[in-house]
Amino acid sequence: MTSHDLNTFLKPRVRTVRDWPKPGVNFRDVTTLFHDPEAFRVMVEAFWLDCTRLRVDLIAAVDARGFIIGGALAYQLHKPFVLVRKKGKLPYKTVSEDYKLEYGTAAVEIHADACKPGDRILIVDDLIATGGTLIAAAKLFRVLHGEVVGVAAIIDLPELGGSQRLREIGLRVHALCEFSENE
């Protein structure tokens, strides 16, 4: 499927919840895609094809919806799978990175042995908004001397600037569909 075909196929299957979690926000609910076996298969296959071209060694995914697609992708590729969790959720020695939210800061962590130097890593999440979480995740792997070859997401919200910020720090961005704020 071409990127245009993926966008056309997936967008109508995403549920938009207006004014959630607060007024003015359009929440893009990807759980509808996970509930649709054909949509789920198409997403995993699209990312799988991209990963084979990039020669990915390891799949990392961001807490929590990223785990679903990332886990399926790692399984399909027969590659290790790393969890990028919210601070305080991992049981072993971790490395941590703070990032800015609209109202304050948050932090993500990975285990200190999450990758080996030189590992080629793809980081997966459900959605790219401002890019803060994915940028923080990429910094974590770079601290461990991993090579982040790109980020992948089901949805991009380009008006929020995240995909541009990711590209500006040298990351390849692969999103399967995009929404404007007024859709």
N, C-alpha and C. Protein backbone atom coordinates (compact mmCIF):
# COMPACT_ATOMS: atom_id res chain seq x y z
N MET A 1 0.84 -1.18 0.00
CA MET A 1 0.00 0.00 0.00
C MET A 1 0.88 1.25 0.00
N THR A 2 0.55 2.23 -0.81
CA THR A 2 1.30 3.48 -0.81
C THR A 2 0.96 4.29 0.44
N SER A 3 1.74 5.31 0.72
CA SER A 3 1.45 6.14 1.90
C SER A 3 0.09 6.82 1.76
N HIS A 4 -0.27 7.22 0.55
CA HIS A 4 -1.60 7.82 0.34
C HIS A 4 -2.69 6.80 0.63
N ASP A 5 -2.49 5.56 0.16
CA ASP A 5 -3.47 4.50 0.40
C ASP A 5 -3.59 4.20 1.90
N LEU A 6 -2.46 4.17 2.61
CA LEU A 6 -2.50 3.93 4.06
C LEU A 6 -3.29 5.02 4.76
N ASN A 7 -3.02 6.26 4.41
CA ASN A 7 -3.72 7.39 5.00
C ASN A 7 -5.23 7.26 4.76
N THR A 8 -5.60 6.97 3.52
CA THR A 8 -7.01 6.83 3.14
C THR A 8 -7.66 5.66 3.86
N PHE A 9 -6.94 4.56 4.02
CA PHE A 9 -7.47 3.37 4.68
C PHE A 9 -7.61 3.56 6.19
N LEU A 10 -6.61 4.15 6.83
CA LEU A 10 -6.58 4.21 8.30
C LEU A 10 -7.40 5.36 8.89
N LYS A 11 -7.36 6.54 8.28
CA LYS A 11 -8.00 7.72 8.89
C LYS A 11 -9.47 7.51 9.27
N PRO A 12 -10.29 6.95 8.39
CA PRO A 12 -11.70 6.78 8.77
C PRO A 12 -11.92 5.77 9.90
N ARG A 13 -10.90 4.97 10.18
CA ARG A 13 -11.00 3.95 11.22
C ARG A 13 -10.54 4.47 12.59
N VAL A 14 -9.99 5.67 12.62
CA VAL A 14 -9.56 6.29 13.88
C VAL A 14 -10.75 7.04 14.47
N ARG A 15 -11.02 6.79 15.74
CA ARG A 15 -12.11 7.50 16.42
C ARG A 15 -11.55 8.82 16.98
N THR A 16 -12.23 9.91 16.66
CA THR A 16 -11.88 11.20 17.23
C THR A 16 -12.86 11.52 18.35
N VAL A 17 -12.30 11.76 19.54
CA VAL A 17 -13.12 12.11 20.70
C VAL A 17 -12.91 13.60 20.94
N ARG A 18 -13.93 14.39 20.70
CA ARG A 18 -13.85 15.84 20.82
C ARG A 18 -13.83 16.26 22.30
N ASP A 19 -13.05 17.29 22.57
CA ASP A 19 -12.99 17.90 23.91
C ASP A 19 -12.57 16.92 25.00
N TRP A 20 -11.63 16.04 24.67
CA TRP A 20 -11.11 15.10 25.67
C TRP A 20 -9.60 15.04 25.55
N PRO A 21 -8.86 15.11 26.58
CA PRO A 21 -9.25 15.13 28.00
C PRO A 21 -9.66 16.51 28.52
N LYS A 22 -9.62 17.54 27.64
CA LYS A 22 -10.06 18.87 28.07
C LYS A 22 -10.67 19.58 26.87
N PRO A 23 -11.44 20.61 27.11
CA PRO A 23 -12.08 21.34 26.01
C PRO A 23 -11.06 21.84 24.98
N GLY A 24 -11.41 21.69 23.71
CA GLY A 24 -10.56 22.14 22.63
C GLY A 24 -9.61 21.10 22.09
N VAL A 25 -9.48 19.97 22.78
CA VAL A 25 -8.57 18.90 22.33
C VAL A 25 -9.38 17.86 21.56
N ASN A 26 -8.84 17.45 20.41
CA ASN A 26 -9.41 16.36 19.63
C ASN A 26 -8.54 15.14 19.85
N PHE A 27 -8.98 14.22 20.69
CA PHE A 27 -8.19 13.03 21.01
C PHE A 27 -8.35 12.02 19.88
N ARG A 28 -7.24 11.58 19.32
CA ARG A 28 -7.25 10.59 18.25
C ARG A 28 -7.07 9.20 18.87
N ASP A 29 -8.15 8.46 18.92
CA ASP A 29 -8.20 7.17 19.60
C ASP A 29 -7.84 6.04 18.65
N VAL A 30 -6.63 5.49 18.81
CA VAL A 30 -6.16 4.41 17.93
C VAL A 30 -6.62 3.03 18.38
N THR A 31 -7.31 2.94 19.51
CA THR A 31 -7.77 1.62 19.95
C THR A 31 -8.72 1.01 18.92
N THR A 32 -9.39 1.83 18.14
CA THR A 32 -10.27 1.32 17.08
C THR A 32 -9.46 0.58 16.02
N LEU A 33 -8.22 1.03 15.79
CA LEU A 33 -7.35 0.35 14.81
C LEU A 33 -6.87 -0.99 15.36
N PHE A 34 -6.64 -1.06 16.66
CA PHE A 34 -6.22 -2.32 17.27
C PHE A 34 -7.37 -3.33 17.28
N HIS A 35 -8.59 -2.83 17.32
CA HIS A 35 -9.78 -3.68 17.35
C HIS A 35 -10.12 -4.22 15.95
N ASP A 36 -9.58 -3.60 14.92
CA ASP A 36 -9.84 -3.97 13.54
C ASP A 36 -8.67 -4.83 13.04
N PRO A 37 -8.87 -6.15 12.90
CA PRO A 37 -7.75 -7.02 12.53
C PRO A 37 -7.05 -6.63 11.23
N GLU A 38 -7.79 -6.19 10.25
CA GLU A 38 -7.18 -5.80 8.98
C GLU A 38 -6.35 -4.53 9.14
N ALA A 39 -6.86 -3.55 9.87
CA ALA A 39 -6.10 -2.32 10.10
C ALA A 39 -4.83 -2.62 10.90
N PHE A 40 -4.95 -3.46 11.90
CA PHE A 40 -3.78 -3.81 12.71
C PHE A 40 -2.71 -4.49 11.86
N ARG A 41 -3.14 -5.43 11.01
CA ARG A 41 -2.22 -6.13 10.13
C ARG A 41 -1.54 -5.17 9.16
N VAL A 42 -2.31 -4.26 8.58
CA VAL A 42 -1.77 -3.30 7.61
C VAL A 42 -0.73 -2.39 8.28
N MET A 43 -0.99 -1.97 9.51
CA MET A 43 -0.04 -1.10 10.22
C MET A 43 1.28 -1.83 10.48
N VAL A 44 1.18 -3.04 11.03
CA VAL A 44 2.38 -3.81 11.33
C VAL A 44 3.16 -4.09 10.05
N GLU A 45 2.47 -4.45 8.98
CA GLU A 45 3.14 -4.73 7.72
C GLU A 45 3.85 -3.49 7.16
N ALA A 46 3.22 -2.34 7.25
CA ALA A 46 3.84 -1.10 6.75
C ALA A 46 5.12 -0.79 7.52
N PHE A 47 5.06 -0.91 8.83
CA PHE A 47 6.26 -0.65 9.64
C PHE A 47 7.31 -1.73 9.42
N TRP A 48 6.89 -2.98 9.25
CA TRP A 48 7.81 -4.09 9.00
C TRP A 48 8.62 -3.84 7.72
N LEU A 49 7.94 -3.43 6.66
CA LEU A 49 8.64 -3.15 5.40
C LEU A 49 9.68 -2.06 5.58
N ASP A 50 9.32 -1.02 6.31
CA ASP A 50 10.25 0.08 6.56
C ASP A 50 11.45 -0.40 7.38
N CYS A 51 11.20 -1.21 8.39
CA CYS A 51 12.28 -1.72 9.25
C CYS A 51 13.27 -2.57 8.49
N THR A 52 12.79 -3.36 7.55
CA THR A 52 13.71 -4.20 6.78
C THR A 52 14.63 -3.33 5.92
N ARG A 53 14.10 -2.23 5.38
CA ARG A 53 14.94 -1.31 4.60
C ARG A 53 15.98 -0.61 5.47
N LEU A 54 15.61 -0.32 6.72
CA LEU A 54 16.50 0.41 7.63
C LEU A 54 17.48 -0.51 8.37
N ARG A 55 17.33 -1.82 8.22
CA ARG A 55 18.18 -2.79 8.93
C ARG A 55 18.16 -2.54 10.44
N VAL A 56 16.98 -2.50 11.00
CA VAL A 56 16.78 -2.25 12.42
C VAL A 56 17.22 -3.45 13.25
N ASP A 57 17.93 -3.18 14.35
CA ASP A 57 18.36 -4.24 15.27
C ASP A 57 17.42 -4.41 16.45
N LEU A 58 16.69 -3.36 16.77
CA LEU A 58 15.92 -3.34 18.02
C LEU A 58 14.72 -2.42 17.84
N ILE A 59 13.58 -2.83 18.39
CA ILE A 59 12.38 -2.00 18.39
C ILE A 59 12.17 -1.49 19.81
N ALA A 60 11.98 -0.19 19.94
CA ALA A 60 11.63 0.41 21.23
C ALA A 60 10.25 1.04 21.07
N ALA A 61 9.48 1.04 22.13
CA ALA A 61 8.15 1.64 22.06
C ALA A 61 7.86 2.43 23.32
N VAL A 62 7.08 3.49 23.12
CA VAL A 62 6.76 4.44 24.17
C VAL A 62 5.46 4.03 24.86
N ASP A 63 5.48 4.14 26.17
CA ASP A 63 4.36 3.89 27.08
C ASP A 63 3.15 4.71 26.64
N ALA A 64 2.00 4.18 26.46
CA ALA A 64 1.58 2.80 26.59
C ALA A 64 1.05 2.26 25.27
N ARG A 65 0.34 3.09 24.48
CA ARG A 65 -0.22 2.55 23.23
C ARG A 65 0.89 2.17 22.24
N GLY A 66 2.04 2.80 22.34
CA GLY A 66 3.15 2.41 21.49
C GLY A 66 3.58 0.97 21.72
N PHE A 67 3.36 0.47 22.95
CA PHE A 67 3.72 -0.92 23.26
C PHE A 67 2.98 -1.91 22.37
N ILE A 68 1.76 -1.60 22.04
CA ILE A 68 0.92 -2.55 21.29
C ILE A 68 1.49 -2.76 19.89
N ILE A 69 1.69 -1.67 19.18
CA ILE A 69 2.21 -1.79 17.81
C ILE A 69 3.69 -2.19 17.84
N GLY A 70 4.45 -1.66 18.78
CA GLY A 70 5.87 -2.00 18.88
C GLY A 70 6.09 -3.46 19.20
N GLY A 71 5.30 -4.00 20.11
CA GLY A 71 5.43 -5.42 20.45
C GLY A 71 5.11 -6.32 19.27
N ALA A 72 4.05 -5.98 18.55
CA ALA A 72 3.69 -6.78 17.37
C ALA A 72 4.78 -6.69 16.30
N LEU A 73 5.34 -5.50 16.13
CA LEU A 73 6.39 -5.31 15.14
C LEU A 73 7.66 -6.08 15.50
N ALA A 74 8.07 -6.00 16.76
CA ALA A 74 9.25 -6.74 17.21
C ALA A 74 9.05 -8.24 17.02
N TYR A 75 7.87 -8.72 17.32
CA TYR A 75 7.55 -10.14 17.12
C TYR A 75 7.69 -10.51 15.64
N GLN A 76 7.10 -9.70 14.77
CA GLN A 76 7.13 -9.96 13.34
C GLN A 76 8.56 -9.96 12.80
N LEU A 77 9.40 -9.07 13.32
CA LEU A 77 10.77 -8.93 12.86
C LEU A 77 11.74 -9.89 13.54
N HIS A 78 11.29 -10.55 14.60
CA HIS A 78 12.17 -11.40 15.42
C HIS A 78 13.31 -10.57 16.00
N LYS A 79 12.97 -9.39 16.54
CA LYS A 79 13.96 -8.46 17.10
C LYS A 79 13.66 -8.20 18.57
N PRO A 80 14.67 -7.80 19.33
CA PRO A 80 14.45 -7.43 20.73
C PRO A 80 13.48 -6.25 20.82
N PHE A 81 12.79 -6.19 21.94
CA PHE A 81 11.79 -5.16 22.19
C PHE A 81 12.11 -4.46 23.50
N VAL A 82 12.18 -3.13 23.47
CA VAL A 82 12.52 -2.33 24.65
C VAL A 82 11.35 -1.41 24.99
N LEU A 83 11.05 -1.35 26.28
CA LEU A 83 10.00 -0.47 26.77
C LEU A 83 10.58 0.88 27.16
N VAL A 84 9.99 1.96 26.67
CA VAL A 84 10.29 3.31 27.12
C VAL A 84 9.13 3.68 28.04
N ARG A 85 9.43 3.74 29.35
CA ARG A 85 8.38 3.90 30.35
C ARG A 85 8.42 5.26 31.01
N LYS A 86 7.29 5.60 31.62
CA LYS A 86 7.25 6.77 32.48
C LYS A 86 8.15 6.52 33.68
N LYS A 87 8.71 7.59 34.20
CA LYS A 87 9.66 7.49 35.31
C LYS A 87 9.07 6.69 36.48
N GLY A 88 9.91 5.80 37.03
CA GLY A 88 9.53 5.02 38.20
C GLY A 88 8.83 3.71 37.91
N LYS A 89 8.68 3.33 36.65
CA LYS A 89 7.94 2.11 36.29
C LYS A 89 8.83 0.92 35.97
N LEU A 90 10.13 1.14 35.79
CA LEU A 90 11.03 0.03 35.46
C LEU A 90 11.78 -0.43 36.71
N PRO A 91 11.97 -1.75 36.88
CA PRO A 91 12.50 -2.28 38.13
C PRO A 91 14.02 -2.28 38.27
N TYR A 92 14.74 -2.14 37.18
CA TYR A 92 16.20 -2.27 37.21
C TYR A 92 16.83 -0.89 37.08
N LYS A 93 18.15 -0.83 37.08
CA LYS A 93 18.88 0.42 36.90
C LYS A 93 18.45 1.07 35.58
N THR A 94 18.18 2.37 35.63
CA THR A 94 17.65 3.07 34.45
C THR A 94 18.47 4.30 34.11
N VAL A 95 18.26 4.78 32.89
CA VAL A 95 18.67 6.12 32.49
C VAL A 95 17.38 6.88 32.22
N SER A 96 17.39 8.17 32.55
CA SER A 96 16.16 8.96 32.54
C SER A 96 16.38 10.25 31.75
N GLU A 97 15.31 10.73 31.14
CA GLU A 97 15.36 11.99 30.40
C GLU A 97 14.07 12.77 30.66
N ASP A 98 14.23 14.02 31.10
CA ASP A 98 13.08 14.91 31.31
C ASP A 98 12.71 15.57 29.99
N TYR A 99 11.43 15.92 29.87
CA TYR A 99 10.97 16.68 28.71
C TYR A 99 9.81 17.56 29.14
N LYS A 100 9.55 18.58 28.33
CA LYS A 100 8.51 19.55 28.67
C LYS A 100 7.15 19.10 28.17
N LEU A 101 6.17 19.36 29.03
CA LEU A 101 4.77 19.18 28.67
C LEU A 101 4.15 20.57 28.58
N GLU A 102 2.91 20.62 28.14
CA GLU A 102 2.22 21.91 28.06
C GLU A 102 2.21 22.61 29.42
N TYR A 103 2.02 21.84 30.50
CA TYR A 103 1.98 22.40 31.85
C TYR A 103 2.95 21.65 32.74
N GLY A 104 4.25 21.91 32.59
CA GLY A 104 5.23 21.28 33.46
C GLY A 104 6.17 20.37 32.71
N THR A 105 6.68 19.36 33.41
CA THR A 105 7.63 18.42 32.82
C THR A 105 7.24 17.00 33.17
N ALA A 106 7.82 16.08 32.44
CA ALA A 106 7.66 14.64 32.70
C ALA A 106 9.01 14.01 32.40
N ALA A 107 9.11 12.71 32.64
CA ALA A 107 10.35 12.00 32.35
C ALA A 107 10.03 10.60 31.85
N VAL A 108 10.90 10.12 30.96
CA VAL A 108 10.83 8.73 30.51
C VAL A 108 12.15 8.05 30.84
N GLU A 109 12.09 6.72 30.93
CA GLU A 109 13.27 5.93 31.28
C GLU A 109 13.34 4.67 30.44
N ILE A 110 14.56 4.17 30.32
CA ILE A 110 14.81 2.84 29.78
C ILE A 110 15.81 2.17 30.72
N HIS A 111 15.86 0.85 30.66
CA HIS A 111 16.87 0.15 31.44
C HIS A 111 18.25 0.53 30.92
N ALA A 112 19.21 0.56 31.81
CA ALA A 112 20.59 0.94 31.47
C ALA A 112 21.23 -0.03 30.49
N ASP A 113 20.69 -1.23 30.37
CA ASP A 113 21.21 -2.22 29.42
C ASP A 113 20.24 -2.45 28.25
N ALA A 114 19.45 -1.44 27.92
CA ALA A 114 18.42 -1.57 26.89
C ALA A 114 18.96 -1.81 25.49
N CYS A 115 20.16 -1.33 25.22
CA CYS A 115 20.77 -1.55 23.91
C CYS A 115 22.27 -1.64 24.05
N LYS A 116 22.89 -2.13 22.99
CA LYS A 116 24.35 -2.18 22.92
C LYS A 116 24.82 -1.02 22.05
N PRO A 117 26.03 -0.52 22.25
CA PRO A 117 26.56 0.52 21.37
C PRO A 117 26.48 0.07 19.91
N GLY A 118 25.98 0.96 19.07
CA GLY A 118 25.86 0.66 17.65
C GLY A 118 24.56 0.01 17.23
N ASP A 119 23.73 -0.44 18.18
CA ASP A 119 22.43 -1.00 17.81
C ASP A 119 21.64 0.04 17.02
N ARG A 120 20.98 -0.43 15.95
CA ARG A 120 20.13 0.43 15.12
C ARG A 120 18.71 0.30 15.65
N ILE A 121 18.16 1.42 16.14
CA ILE A 121 16.91 1.41 16.91
C ILE A 121 15.82 2.20 16.21
N LEU A 122 14.64 1.62 16.15
CA LEU A 122 13.44 2.34 15.71
C LEU A 122 12.57 2.52 16.94
N ILE A 123 12.13 3.75 17.18
CA ILE A 123 11.25 4.04 18.32
C ILE A 123 9.83 4.22 17.79
N VAL A 124 8.88 3.50 18.38
CA VAL A 124 7.50 3.47 17.93
C VAL A 124 6.59 4.11 18.98
N ASP A 125 5.64 4.90 18.52
CA ASP A 125 4.60 5.45 19.39
C ASP A 125 3.30 5.48 18.59
N ASP A 126 2.20 5.74 19.27
CA ASP A 126 0.93 5.78 18.56
C ASP A 126 0.76 7.07 17.77
N LEU A 127 1.31 8.18 18.29
CA LEU A 127 1.00 9.48 17.73
C LEU A 127 2.14 10.46 17.95
N ILE A 128 2.36 11.32 16.97
CA ILE A 128 3.33 12.41 17.11
C ILE A 128 2.55 13.71 17.24
N ALA A 129 2.70 14.36 18.39
CA ALA A 129 2.08 15.67 18.60
C ALA A 129 3.20 16.71 18.63
N THR A 130 3.68 17.05 19.81
CA THR A 130 4.78 18.04 19.91
C THR A 130 6.14 17.39 19.77
N GLY A 131 6.21 16.06 19.85
CA GLY A 131 7.47 15.33 19.67
C GLY A 131 8.31 15.18 20.93
N GLY A 132 7.90 15.78 22.04
CA GLY A 132 8.70 15.78 23.25
C GLY A 132 9.06 14.41 23.78
N THR A 133 8.09 13.52 23.82
CA THR A 133 8.35 12.18 24.34
C THR A 133 9.32 11.41 23.44
N LEU A 134 9.12 11.48 22.14
CA LEU A 134 10.00 10.76 21.22
C LEU A 134 11.41 11.35 21.21
N ILE A 135 11.53 12.65 21.33
CA ILE A 135 12.86 13.27 21.40
C ILE A 135 13.57 12.80 22.67
N ALA A 136 12.85 12.79 23.79
CA ALA A 136 13.45 12.32 25.05
C ALA A 136 13.87 10.86 24.93
N ALA A 137 13.03 10.03 24.30
CA ALA A 137 13.37 8.61 24.12
C ALA A 137 14.63 8.47 23.27
N ALA A 138 14.72 9.24 22.20
CA ALA A 138 15.90 9.17 21.33
C ALA A 138 17.16 9.55 22.11
N LYS A 139 17.07 10.56 22.96
CA LYS A 139 18.23 10.97 23.76
C LYS A 139 18.69 9.84 24.68
N LEU A 140 17.74 9.08 25.23
CA LEU A 140 18.10 7.97 26.11
C LEU A 140 18.95 6.94 25.38
N PHE A 141 18.54 6.56 24.19
CA PHE A 141 19.30 5.56 23.44
C PHE A 141 20.65 6.11 22.99
N ARG A 142 20.69 7.38 22.68
CA ARG A 142 21.96 7.99 22.29
C ARG A 142 22.94 8.02 23.46
N VAL A 143 22.44 8.20 24.69
CA VAL A 143 23.29 8.14 25.88
C VAL A 143 23.97 6.77 25.99
N LEU A 144 23.23 5.74 25.59
CA LEU A 144 23.77 4.37 25.62
C LEU A 144 24.53 4.03 24.34
N HIS A 145 24.74 5.01 23.48
CA HIS A 145 25.48 4.87 22.22
C HIS A 145 24.76 4.01 21.19
N GLY A 146 23.42 3.97 21.29
CA GLY A 146 22.62 3.35 20.24
C GLY A 146 22.42 4.34 19.11
N GLU A 147 22.16 3.82 17.92
CA GLU A 147 21.90 4.67 16.76
C GLU A 147 20.40 4.63 16.48
N VAL A 148 19.73 5.73 16.79
CA VAL A 148 18.29 5.80 16.53
C VAL A 148 18.12 6.12 15.04
N VAL A 149 17.63 5.14 14.28
CA VAL A 149 17.51 5.30 12.84
C VAL A 149 16.20 5.98 12.44
N GLY A 150 15.29 6.10 13.39
CA GLY A 150 14.05 6.79 13.09
C GLY A 150 13.00 6.55 14.14
N VAL A 151 11.88 7.23 13.91
CA VAL A 151 10.70 7.06 14.75
C VAL A 151 9.53 6.70 13.84
N ALA A 152 8.61 5.94 14.38
CA ALA A 152 7.44 5.53 13.62
C ALA A 152 6.21 5.76 14.49
N ALA A 153 5.16 6.24 13.87
CA ALA A 153 3.90 6.47 14.59
C ALA A 153 2.74 6.18 13.65
N ILE A 154 1.64 5.82 14.24
CA ILE A 154 0.44 5.60 13.45
C ILE A 154 -0.06 6.93 12.90
N ILE A 155 -0.09 7.95 13.77
CA ILE A 155 -0.68 9.25 13.41
C ILE A 155 0.34 10.36 13.64
N ASP A 156 0.36 11.31 12.71
CA ASP A 156 1.11 12.55 12.87
C ASP A 156 0.12 13.70 12.92
N LEU A 157 0.36 14.62 13.85
CA LEU A 157 -0.40 15.88 13.93
C LEU A 157 0.57 16.99 13.54
N PRO A 158 0.82 17.19 12.24
CA PRO A 158 1.90 18.07 11.80
C PRO A 158 1.76 19.52 12.28
N GLU A 159 0.56 20.00 12.48
CA GLU A 159 0.37 21.38 12.93
C GLU A 159 0.96 21.64 14.32
N LEU A 160 1.16 20.57 15.11
CA LEU A 160 1.72 20.75 16.44
C LEU A 160 3.25 20.76 16.42
N GLY A 161 3.84 20.49 15.25
CA GLY A 161 5.28 20.68 15.07
C GLY A 161 6.19 19.55 15.50
N GLY A 162 5.66 18.47 16.02
CA GLY A 162 6.51 17.40 16.52
C GLY A 162 7.34 16.72 15.46
N SER A 163 6.73 16.38 14.33
CA SER A 163 7.48 15.68 13.28
C SER A 163 8.61 16.58 12.76
N GLN A 164 8.37 17.87 12.65
CA GLN A 164 9.42 18.79 12.22
C GLN A 164 10.56 18.84 13.25
N ARG A 165 10.22 18.91 14.55
CA ARG A 165 11.24 18.92 15.60
C ARG A 165 12.08 17.64 15.55
N LEU A 166 11.44 16.50 15.30
CA LEU A 166 12.16 15.23 15.21
C LEU A 166 13.12 15.23 14.03
N ARG A 167 12.67 15.73 12.90
CA ARG A 167 13.54 15.81 11.72
C ARG A 167 14.72 16.76 11.98
N GLU A 168 14.47 17.84 12.69
CA GLU A 168 15.53 18.82 12.99
C GLU A 168 16.66 18.22 13.83
N ILE A 169 16.36 17.19 14.61
CA ILE A 169 17.44 16.55 15.38
C ILE A 169 17.97 15.30 14.67
N GLY A 170 17.65 15.19 13.37
CA GLY A 170 18.23 14.15 12.54
C GLY A 170 17.51 12.82 12.53
N LEU A 171 16.24 12.80 12.96
CA LEU A 171 15.50 11.54 12.98
C LEU A 171 14.60 11.42 11.75
N ARG A 172 14.57 10.24 11.20
CA ARG A 172 13.66 9.92 10.11
C ARG A 172 12.29 9.67 10.73
N VAL A 173 11.25 10.24 10.16
CA VAL A 173 9.89 10.11 10.69
C VAL A 173 9.04 9.33 9.70
N HIS A 174 8.39 8.28 10.21
CA HIS A 174 7.46 7.50 9.40
C HIS A 174 6.12 7.47 10.12
N ALA A 175 5.15 8.19 9.58
CA ALA A 175 3.79 8.17 10.13
C ALA A 175 2.86 7.61 9.05
N LEU A 176 1.91 6.81 9.48
CA LEU A 176 1.02 6.16 8.52
C LEU A 176 -0.12 7.04 8.06
N CYS A 177 -0.55 7.96 8.90
CA CYS A 177 -1.59 8.91 8.49
C CYS A 177 -1.44 10.18 9.30
N GLU A 178 -2.09 11.24 8.84
CA GLU A 178 -2.01 12.51 9.58
C GLU A 178 -3.37 13.16 9.64
N PHE A 179 -3.53 13.96 10.69
CA PHE A 179 -4.75 14.72 10.91
C PHE A 179 -4.40 16.18 11.11
N SER A 180 -5.24 17.05 10.56
CA SER A 180 -5.12 18.47 10.88
C SER A 180 -5.96 18.71 12.14
N GLU A 181 -5.71 19.81 12.79
CA GLU A 181 -6.43 20.11 14.03
C GLU A 181 -7.93 20.30 13.82
N ASN A 182 -8.34 20.70 12.62
CA ASN A 182 -9.77 20.94 12.41
C ASN A 182 -10.52 19.74 11.83
N GLU A 183 -9.83 18.61 11.67
CA GLU A 183 -10.53 17.40 11.19
C GLU A 183 -11.25 16.71 12.32
